[in-house]
Amino acid sequence: MKNVKWSLMIAMGFLAGCGGAPVQKVDIEKPQFKVLDAAPGGREAWLDNPNMYAEKTGWDIQNYYYYSGEAQSADQRMACEKAQSDTIDDISRQVSVFVDSSIARASSDSVSSDSAGLSAASATSTDTSQLSSQLSKGVVGGIEKKKQYWEQRDYSEAGGARSIYYCWILSKVAKKDVESMMLRARDLKFRASPDLKAKVEGKMNSIDQDFTDFVKQKQ
């Protein structure tokens, strides 16, 4: 009887030892906010990818680009007005970055054997953020708001505000207007450096199609 009892104890100990690694406790992060109220319809795919949403929805993507903007405020109307401004800023930033990089690439090809020329081109280039700011002033009239979504959030449990509004705006802008912005950005860059214009102007003939490809890469 003792042998049987001892065998059972050994077997139980063996089974306990083969039970696998102890289960680790995983702390689930608490939500940072609660949604108190929201616009009807709920969140849609355009919040993350406006151009892809437009294409799948059947909107005109041959003649228009689509952009989204986001902002927050204690006031719902103010949040949505800021979101519209953010849309305009996003368009200007994209155009500025694209034109800057296109000119830099063309300049690098032109003066690959002339380091002094490349340094001069870099030194006279207009700052991208300054260029973006200049472009923003001329694009306001060409923006058409397509959709709007907002949420009222409560961050009090995480130590934040009890009521704050987030707003998202989906807008469209004609490609011809964006192309005009690109030409204006290019001219502003060339005005700052006439020598740069002579070096790269002939290498930027496909700038319109290049920008379309640039937008697709950001999707």
C-alpha atoms as a PDB file:
ATOM      1  CA  MET A   1       0.000   0.000   0.000  1.00  0.00           C
ATOM      2  CA  LYS A   2       2.848   2.326   0.863  1.00  0.00           C
ATOM      3  CA  ASN A   3       4.475   1.566  -2.503  1.00  0.00           C
ATOM      4  CA  VAL A   4       1.250   2.399  -4.326  1.00  0.00           C
ATOM      5  CA  LYS A   5       0.865   5.622  -2.358  1.00  0.00           C
ATOM      6  CA  TRP A   6       4.469   6.578  -3.079  1.00  0.00           C
ATOM      7  CA  SER A   7       4.008   5.850  -6.778  1.00  0.00           C
ATOM      8  CA  LEU A   8       0.942   8.083  -6.887  1.00  0.00           C
ATOM      9  CA  MET A   9       2.875  10.925  -5.260  1.00  0.00           C
ATOM     10  CA  ILE A  10       5.705  10.566  -7.792  1.00  0.00           C
ATOM     11  CA  ALA A  11       3.225  10.502 -10.684  1.00  0.00           C
ATOM     12  CA  MET A  12       1.456  13.636  -9.424  1.00  0.00           C
ATOM     13  CA  GLY A  13       4.774  15.420  -9.020  1.00  0.00           C
ATOM     14  CA  PHE A  14       5.787  14.433 -12.552  1.00  0.00           C
ATOM     15  CA  LEU A  15       2.526  15.690 -14.008  1.00  0.00           C
ATOM     16  CA  ALA A  16       2.860  18.984 -12.137  1.00  0.00           C
ATOM     17  CA  GLY A  17       6.378  19.406 -13.500  1.00  0.00           C
ATOM     18  CA  CYS A  18       5.202  18.764 -17.084  1.00  0.00           C
ATOM     19  CA  GLY A  19       2.390  21.292 -16.924  1.00  0.00           C
ATOM     20  CA  GLY A  20       4.334  23.730 -19.122  1.00  0.00           C
ATOM     21  CA  ALA A  21       5.638  27.218 -18.395  1.00  0.00           C
ATOM     22  CA  PRO A  22       3.626  29.290 -15.957  1.00  0.00           C
ATOM     23  CA  VAL A  23       1.066  31.572 -17.588  1.00  0.00           C
ATOM     24  CA  GLN A  24       2.251  35.166 -17.535  1.00  0.00           C
ATOM     25  CA  LYS A  25      -0.188  37.875 -16.599  1.00  0.00           C
ATOM     26  CA  VAL A  26      -0.673  40.350 -19.425  1.00  0.00           C
ATOM     27  CA  ASP A  27      -1.832  43.822 -18.518  1.00  0.00           C
ATOM     28  CA  ILE A  28      -4.313  45.149 -21.048  1.00  0.00           C
ATOM     29  CA  GLU A  29      -3.889  48.877 -21.583  1.00  0.00           C
ATOM     30  CA  LYS A  30      -6.975  50.799 -20.609  1.00  0.00           C
ATOM     31  CA  PRO A  31      -8.579  52.990 -23.276  1.00  0.00           C
ATOM     32  CA  GLN A  32      -7.302  56.556 -23.139  1.00  0.00           C
ATOM     33  CA  PHE A  33     -10.708  58.026 -23.858  1.00  0.00           C
ATOM     34  CA  LYS A  34     -14.442  57.359 -24.118  1.00  0.00           C
ATOM     35  CA  VAL A  35     -16.492  58.495 -27.107  1.00  0.00           C
ATOM     36  CA  LEU A  36     -19.384  60.528 -25.715  1.00  0.00           C
ATOM     37  CA  ASP A  37     -20.950  61.441 -29.040  1.00  0.00           C
ATOM     38  CA  ALA A  38     -20.144  61.162 -32.747  1.00  0.00           C
ATOM     39  CA  ALA A  39     -21.414  62.114 -36.179  1.00  0.00           C
ATOM     40  CA  PRO A  40     -23.939  59.693 -37.717  1.00  0.00           C
ATOM     41  CA  GLY A  41     -22.562  56.958 -39.959  1.00  0.00           C
ATOM     42  CA  GLY A  42     -19.441  56.135 -37.989  1.00  0.00           C
ATOM     43  CA  ARG A  43     -15.819  56.048 -39.112  1.00  0.00           C
ATOM     44  CA  GLU A  44     -15.117  55.382 -42.796  1.00  0.00           C
ATOM     45  CA  ALA A  45     -12.055  54.332 -44.792  1.00  0.00           C
ATOM     46  CA  TRP A  46     -11.392  57.847 -46.087  1.00  0.00           C
ATOM     47  CA  LEU A  47     -10.013  58.824 -42.691  1.00  0.00           C
ATOM     48  CA  ASP A  48      -6.970  56.651 -43.415  1.00  0.00           C
ATOM     49  CA  ASN A  49      -6.686  56.761 -47.207  1.00  0.00           C
ATOM     50  CA  PRO A  50      -8.764  59.397 -49.008  1.00  0.00           C
ATOM     51  CA  ASN A  51      -7.606  58.673 -52.575  1.00  0.00           C
ATOM     52  CA  MET A  52      -8.124  54.928 -52.314  1.00  0.00           C
ATOM     53  CA  TYR A  53     -11.555  55.541 -50.762  1.00  0.00           C
ATOM     54  CA  ALA A  54     -12.442  57.877 -53.636  1.00  0.00           C
ATOM     55  CA  GLU A  55     -11.387  55.304 -56.219  1.00  0.00           C
ATOM     56  CA  LYS A  56     -13.384  52.485 -54.599  1.00  0.00           C
ATOM     57  CA  THR A  57     -16.405  54.769 -54.205  1.00  0.00           C
ATOM     58  CA  GLY A  58     -16.365  55.622 -57.902  1.00  0.00           C
ATOM     59  CA  TRP A  59     -15.485  59.288 -57.552  1.00  0.00           C
ATOM     60  CA  ASP A  60     -13.600  61.172 -60.255  1.00  0.00           C
ATOM     61  CA  ILE A  61      -9.922  60.376 -59.649  1.00  0.00           C
ATOM     62  CA  GLN A  62      -8.850  61.367 -63.173  1.00  0.00           C
ATOM     63  CA  ASN A  63      -9.401  65.060 -62.547  1.00  0.00           C
ATOM     64  CA  TYR A  64      -9.184  65.361 -58.751  1.00  0.00           C
ATOM     65  CA  TYR A  65      -6.964  64.532 -55.807  1.00  0.00           C
ATOM     66  CA  TYR A  66      -8.510  63.813 -52.418  1.00  0.00           C
ATOM     67  CA  TYR A  67      -7.094  64.873 -49.052  1.00  0.00           C
ATOM     68  CA  SER A  68      -8.103  64.575 -45.408  1.00  0.00           C
ATOM     69  CA  GLY A  69      -7.401  66.904 -42.517  1.00  0.00           C
ATOM     70  CA  GLU A  70      -7.690  66.401 -38.762  1.00  0.00           C
ATOM     71  CA  ALA A  71      -7.913  68.775 -35.809  1.00  0.00           C
ATOM     72  CA  GLN A  72      -9.148  69.005 -32.241  1.00  0.00           C
ATOM     73  CA  SER A  73     -10.696  71.696 -30.082  1.00  0.00           C
ATOM     74  CA  ALA A  74     -12.987  72.183 -27.110  1.00  0.00           C
ATOM     75  CA  ASP A  75     -15.527  73.479 -29.634  1.00  0.00           C
ATOM     76  CA  GLN A  76     -16.901  71.251 -32.409  1.00  0.00           C
ATOM     77  CA  ARG A  77     -17.194  73.983 -35.040  1.00  0.00           C
ATOM     78  CA  MET A  78     -13.678  75.203 -34.330  1.00  0.00           C
ATOM     79  CA  ALA A  79     -12.293  71.665 -34.592  1.00  0.00           C
ATOM     80  CA  CYS A  80     -13.823  71.215 -38.043  1.00  0.00           C
ATOM     81  CA  GLU A  81     -12.616  74.624 -39.247  1.00  0.00           C
ATOM     82  CA  LYS A  82      -9.103  73.691 -38.135  1.00  0.00           C
ATOM     83  CA  ALA A  83      -9.418  70.336 -39.899  1.00  0.00           C
ATOM     84  CA  GLN A  84     -10.229  72.132 -43.150  1.00  0.00           C
ATOM     85  CA  SER A  85      -7.130  74.289 -42.688  1.00  0.00           C
ATOM     86  CA  ASP A  86      -5.090  71.154 -42.035  1.00  0.00           C
ATOM     87  CA  THR A  87      -6.284  69.774 -45.384  1.00  0.00           C
ATOM     88  CA  ILE A  88      -4.975  72.869 -47.137  1.00  0.00           C
ATOM     89  CA  ASP A  89      -1.673  72.610 -45.275  1.00  0.00           C
ATOM     90  CA  ASP A  90      -1.363  68.937 -46.251  1.00  0.00           C
ATOM     91  CA  ILE A  91      -1.768  69.738 -49.954  1.00  0.00           C
ATOM     92  CA  SER A  92       0.813  72.515 -49.723  1.00  0.00           C
ATOM     93  CA  ARG A  93       3.260  70.317 -47.809  1.00  0.00           C
ATOM     94  CA  GLN A  94       3.002  67.528 -50.366  1.00  0.00           C
ATOM     95  CA  VAL A  95       3.559  69.894 -53.281  1.00  0.00           C
ATOM     96  CA  SER A  96       6.469  71.622 -51.532  1.00  0.00           C
ATOM     97  CA  VAL A  97       8.222  68.369 -50.612  1.00  0.00           C
ATOM     98  CA  PHE A  98       7.685  66.962 -54.099  1.00  0.00           C
ATOM     99  CA  VAL A  99       8.983  70.054 -55.923  1.00  0.00           C
ATOM    100  CA  ASP A 100      11.959  70.356 -53.573  1.00  0.00           C
ATOM    101  CA  SER A 101      12.924  66.717 -54.038  1.00  0.00           C
ATOM    102  CA  SER A 102      12.381  66.860 -57.823  1.00  0.00           C
ATOM    103  CA  ILE A 103      14.608  69.904 -58.206  1.00  0.00           C
ATOM    104  CA  ALA A 104      17.236  68.433 -55.880  1.00  0.00           C
ATOM    105  CA  ARG A 105      17.283  65.185 -57.875  1.00  0.00           C
ATOM    106  CA  ALA A 106      17.510  67.001 -61.215  1.00  0.00           C
ATOM    107  CA  SER A 107      20.194  69.302 -59.840  1.00  0.00           C
ATOM    108  CA  SER A 108      22.185  66.368 -58.528  1.00  0.00           C
ATOM    109  CA  ASP A 109      22.094  64.763 -61.985  1.00  0.00           C
ATOM    110  CA  SER A 110      23.151  68.011 -63.623  1.00  0.00           C
ATOM    111  CA  VAL A 111      26.083  68.798 -61.356  1.00  0.00           C
ATOM    112  CA  SER A 112      27.148  65.303 -60.332  1.00  0.00           C
ATOM    113  CA  SER A 113      30.689  66.164 -61.335  1.00  0.00           C
ATOM    114  CA  ASP A 114      30.547  69.673 -59.910  1.00  0.00           C
ATOM    115  CA  SER A 115      30.385  69.610 -56.124  1.00  0.00           C
ATOM    116  CA  ALA A 116      30.689  73.385 -55.932  1.00  0.00           C
ATOM    117  CA  GLY A 117      27.637  73.787 -58.155  1.00  0.00           C
ATOM    118  CA  LEU A 118      25.644  71.350 -56.052  1.00  0.00           C
ATOM    119  CA  SER A 119      26.552  73.214 -52.874  1.00  0.00           C
ATOM    120  CA  ALA A 120      25.497  76.490 -54.457  1.00  0.00           C
ATOM    121  CA  ALA A 121      22.150  75.006 -55.488  1.00  0.00           C
ATOM    122  CA  SER A 122      21.541  73.723 -51.967  1.00  0.00           C
ATOM    123  CA  ALA A 123      22.513  77.016 -50.388  1.00  0.00           C
ATOM    124  CA  THR A 124      20.069  79.045 -52.474  1.00  0.00           C
ATOM    125  CA  SER A 125      17.093  76.673 -52.142  1.00  0.00           C
ATOM    126  CA  THR A 126      13.930  77.959 -50.493  1.00  0.00           C
ATOM    127  CA  ASP A 127      13.097  76.306 -47.188  1.00  0.00           C
ATOM    128  CA  THR A 128      10.349  73.713 -47.687  1.00  0.00           C
ATOM    129  CA  SER A 129       8.172  74.944 -44.826  1.00  0.00           C
ATOM    130  CA  GLN A 130       8.417  78.519 -46.079  1.00  0.00           C
ATOM    131  CA  LEU A 131       7.464  77.394 -49.556  1.00  0.00           C
ATOM    132  CA  SER A 132       4.525  75.429 -48.152  1.00  0.00           C
ATOM    133  CA  SER A 133       3.301  78.508 -46.302  1.00  0.00           C
ATOM    134  CA  GLN A 134       3.414  80.595 -49.471  1.00  0.00           C
ATOM    135  CA  LEU A 135       1.461  77.988 -51.425  1.00  0.00           C
ATOM    136  CA  SER A 136      -1.243  77.642 -48.755  1.00  0.00           C
ATOM    137  CA  LYS A 137      -2.370  81.204 -49.325  1.00  0.00           C
ATOM    138  CA  GLY A 138      -3.356  80.503 -52.924  1.00  0.00           C
ATOM    139  CA  VAL A 139      -5.159  77.166 -52.638  1.00  0.00           C
ATOM    140  CA  VAL A 140      -8.077  78.028 -50.340  1.00  0.00           C
ATOM    141  CA  GLY A 141     -10.602  78.731 -53.122  1.00  0.00           C
ATOM    142  CA  GLY A 142      -9.956  75.468 -54.942  1.00  0.00           C
ATOM    143  CA  ILE A 143     -10.885  73.110 -52.095  1.00  0.00           C
ATOM    144  CA  GLU A 144     -14.299  71.411 -51.991  1.00  0.00           C
ATOM    145  CA  LYS A 145     -15.372  69.625 -48.818  1.00  0.00           C
ATOM    146  CA  LYS A 146     -16.840  66.178 -49.518  1.00  0.00           C
ATOM    147  CA  LYS A 147     -17.285  64.581 -46.101  1.00  0.00           C
ATOM    148  CA  GLN A 148     -16.984  65.395 -42.417  1.00  0.00           C
ATOM    149  CA  TYR A 149     -16.781  63.236 -39.319  1.00  0.00           C
ATOM    150  CA  TRP A 150     -16.391  64.235 -35.670  1.00  0.00           C
ATOM    151  CA  GLU A 151     -16.181  62.651 -32.226  1.00  0.00           C
ATOM    152  CA  GLN A 152     -16.633  64.082 -28.755  1.00  0.00           C
ATOM    153  CA  ARG A 153     -14.140  62.358 -26.454  1.00  0.00           C
ATOM    154  CA  ASP A 154     -13.717  62.160 -22.696  1.00  0.00           C
ATOM    155  CA  TYR A 155     -10.099  61.781 -21.505  1.00  0.00           C
ATOM    156  CA  SER A 156     -10.837  62.369 -17.795  1.00  0.00           C
ATOM    157  CA  GLU A 157     -10.055  58.781 -16.725  1.00  0.00           C
ATOM    158  CA  ALA A 158      -6.551  59.217 -18.151  1.00  0.00           C
ATOM    159  CA  GLY A 159      -6.148  62.603 -16.466  1.00  0.00           C
ATOM    160  CA  GLY A 160      -7.102  64.676 -19.488  1.00  0.00           C
ATOM    161  CA  ALA A 161      -9.960  66.869 -20.594  1.00  0.00           C
ATOM    162  CA  ARG A 162     -13.524  65.805 -19.903  1.00  0.00           C
ATOM    163  CA  SER A 163     -14.766  66.936 -23.307  1.00  0.00           C
ATOM    164  CA  ILE A 164     -12.763  67.506 -26.480  1.00  0.00           C
ATOM    165  CA  TYR A 165     -13.875  67.359 -30.104  1.00  0.00           C
ATOM    166  CA  TYR A 166     -11.927  65.681 -32.893  1.00  0.00           C
ATOM    167  CA  CYS A 167     -12.934  66.461 -36.455  1.00  0.00           C
ATOM    168  CA  TRP A 168     -11.881  65.018 -39.813  1.00  0.00           C
ATOM    169  CA  ILE A 169     -12.566  66.597 -43.209  1.00  0.00           C
ATOM    170  CA  LEU A 170     -12.376  64.915 -46.623  1.00  0.00           C
ATOM    171  CA  SER A 171     -11.858  67.399 -49.444  1.00  0.00           C
ATOM    172  CA  LYS A 172     -11.151  67.266 -53.141  1.00  0.00           C
ATOM    173  CA  VAL A 173      -8.995  69.590 -55.233  1.00  0.00           C
ATOM    174  CA  ALA A 174      -8.746  69.712 -59.019  1.00  0.00           C
ATOM    175  CA  LYS A 175      -5.521  68.288 -60.439  1.00  0.00           C
ATOM    176  CA  LYS A 176      -5.172  71.375 -62.631  1.00  0.00           C
ATOM    177  CA  ASP A 177      -5.100  73.509 -59.466  1.00  0.00           C
ATOM    178  CA  VAL A 178      -2.432  71.279 -57.926  1.00  0.00           C
ATOM    179  CA  GLU A 179      -0.424  71.482 -61.153  1.00  0.00           C
ATOM    180  CA  SER A 180      -0.642  75.280 -60.955  1.00  0.00           C
ATOM    181  CA  MET A 181       0.680  75.076 -57.402  1.00  0.00           C
ATOM    182  CA  MET A 182       3.603  72.953 -58.594  1.00  0.00           C
ATOM    183  CA  LEU A 183       4.464  75.459 -61.294  1.00  0.00           C
ATOM    184  CA  ARG A 184       4.264  78.290 -58.770  1.00  0.00           C
ATOM    185  CA  ALA A 185       6.488  76.381 -56.338  1.00  0.00           C
ATOM    186  CA  ARG A 186       8.977  75.664 -59.115  1.00  0.00           C
ATOM    187  CA  ASP A 187       9.025  79.335 -60.164  1.00  0.00           C
ATOM    188  CA  LEU A 188       9.595  80.450 -56.576  1.00  0.00           C
ATOM    189  CA  LYS A 189      12.573  78.110 -56.367  1.00  0.00           C
ATOM    190  CA  PHE A 190      13.955  79.299 -59.702  1.00  0.00           C
ATOM    191  CA  ARG A 191      13.455  82.937 -58.750  1.00  0.00           C
ATOM    192  CA  ALA A 192      15.697  82.344 -55.743  1.00  0.00           C
ATOM    193  CA  SER A 193      18.365  80.799 -57.977  1.00  0.00           C
ATOM    194  CA  PRO A 194      18.369  81.659 -61.723  1.00  0.00           C
ATOM    195  CA  ASP A 195      21.403  79.407 -62.266  1.00  0.00           C
ATOM    196  CA  LEU A 196      19.448  76.473 -60.844  1.00  0.00           C
ATOM    197  CA  LYS A 197      16.689  77.024 -63.418  1.00  0.00           C
ATOM    198  CA  ALA A 198      19.143  76.699 -66.307  1.00  0.00           C
ATOM    199  CA  LYS A 199      20.485  73.434 -64.915  1.00  0.00           C
ATOM    200  CA  VAL A 200      17.266  71.561 -64.177  1.00  0.00           C
ATOM    201  CA  GLU A 201      14.333  73.037 -66.084  1.00  0.00           C
ATOM    202  CA  GLY A 202      14.633  70.671 -69.040  1.00  0.00           C
ATOM    203  CA  LYS A 203      14.705  67.669 -66.714  1.00  0.00           C
ATOM    204  CA  MET A 204      11.308  68.340 -65.125  1.00  0.00           C
ATOM    205  CA  ASN A 205       9.005  67.904 -68.139  1.00  0.00           C
ATOM    206  CA  SER A 206       7.148  64.961 -66.568  1.00  0.00           C
ATOM    207  CA  ILE A 207       6.490  66.699 -63.249  1.00  0.00           C
ATOM    208  CA  ASP A 208       2.691  66.235 -63.495  1.00  0.00           C
ATOM    209  CA  GLN A 209       2.838  62.459 -63.914  1.00  0.00           C
ATOM    210  CA  ASP A 210       5.629  62.234 -61.365  1.00  0.00           C
ATOM    211  CA  PHE A 211       3.403  63.933 -58.799  1.00  0.00           C
ATOM    212  CA  THR A 212       0.547  61.501 -59.501  1.00  0.00           C
ATOM    213  CA  ASP A 213       2.964  58.639 -58.838  1.00  0.00           C
ATOM    214  CA  PHE A 214       4.154  60.440 -55.695  1.00  0.00           C
ATOM    215  CA  VAL A 215       0.573  60.656 -54.379  1.00  0.00           C
ATOM    216  CA  LYS A 216      -0.023  56.944 -55.074  1.00  0.00           C
ATOM    217  CA  GLN A 217       3.101  56.018 -53.124  1.00  0.00           C
ATOM    218  CA  LYS A 218       1.686  57.803 -50.085  1.00  0.00           C
ATOM    219  CA  GLN A 219      -1.483  55.682 -50.120  1.00  0.00           C
END
